[in-house]
Protein backbone atom coordinates (compact mmCIF):
# COMPACT_ATOMS: atom_id res chain seq x y z
CA MET A 1 0.00 0.00 0.00
CA PRO A 2 1.38 3.47 -0.83
CA THR A 3 2.71 5.37 2.16
CA THR A 4 1.35 8.66 0.80
CA PRO A 5 -1.64 9.47 -1.37
CA ALA A 6 -1.17 9.67 -5.13
CA THR A 7 -1.00 13.38 -5.82
CA PRO A 8 0.43 15.45 -8.63
CA GLY A 9 3.98 16.54 -7.89
CA SER A 10 4.62 13.63 -5.58
CA ALA A 11 7.36 14.16 -3.04
CA ARG A 12 8.40 10.52 -3.36
CA PRO A 13 11.01 9.62 -5.97
CA ALA A 14 9.82 7.73 -9.04
CA ALA A 15 12.24 4.89 -8.24
CA VAL A 16 10.59 4.30 -4.86
CA ILE A 17 7.13 4.25 -6.41
CA ASN A 18 8.40 1.96 -9.17
CA ASP A 19 9.63 -0.53 -6.56
CA GLU A 20 6.15 -0.56 -4.99
CA ILE A 21 4.57 -1.13 -8.41
CA ARG A 22 6.93 -4.04 -9.10
CA GLY A 23 6.13 -5.61 -5.75
CA LEU A 24 2.42 -5.24 -6.34
CA VAL A 25 2.66 -6.77 -9.83
CA GLU A 26 4.75 -9.68 -8.54
CA GLY A 27 2.13 -10.24 -5.85
CA GLY A 28 -0.68 -10.43 -8.41
CA GLY A 29 -2.05 -6.93 -7.84
CA LEU A 30 -1.97 -5.87 -11.47
CA GLY A 31 -5.21 -4.04 -12.26
CA SER A 32 -6.04 -3.26 -8.63
CA ASP A 33 -7.04 0.23 -7.52
CA GLU A 34 -3.76 0.50 -5.63
CA TYR A 35 -1.84 -0.33 -8.81
CA LEU A 36 -3.68 2.38 -10.74
CA LEU A 37 -3.05 4.96 -8.00
CA LEU A 38 0.64 4.09 -7.96
CA LEU A 39 0.82 4.51 -11.74
CA VAL A 40 -0.67 8.00 -11.46
CA GLU A 41 1.74 8.89 -8.65
CA TRP A 42 4.69 7.45 -10.59
CA GLU A 43 3.82 9.47 -13.69
CA ALA A 44 3.62 12.67 -11.62
CA ALA A 45 6.98 11.90 -10.00
CA VAL A 46 8.64 11.23 -13.38
CA ARG A 47 7.32 14.51 -14.76
CA SER A 48 8.43 16.40 -11.67
CA GLU A 49 11.91 14.88 -11.79
CA ALA A 50 12.22 15.64 -15.50
CA THR A 51 11.19 19.25 -14.89
CA GLN A 52 13.70 19.60 -12.07
CA ALA A 53 16.45 18.13 -14.26
CA ASP A 54 15.65 20.64 -17.03
CA VAL A 55 16.02 23.62 -14.72
CA SER A 56 19.61 24.81 -14.59
CA PRO A 57 20.84 26.67 -11.52
CA ALA A 58 21.11 30.45 -11.69
CA ALA A 59 24.53 31.76 -12.59
């Protein structure tokens, strides 16, 4: 079960969420509501991390 709710701009790293997704899939939880919530949270985390990587520090 996710430790935080699936929200846009998740504070959890995508890698952590991905590990939870893998564990859920291996346990037969593919297609469950929890799986779908984790996918939404993972997507938000990936987008957030990509945005942060694109921002260069001020000179």
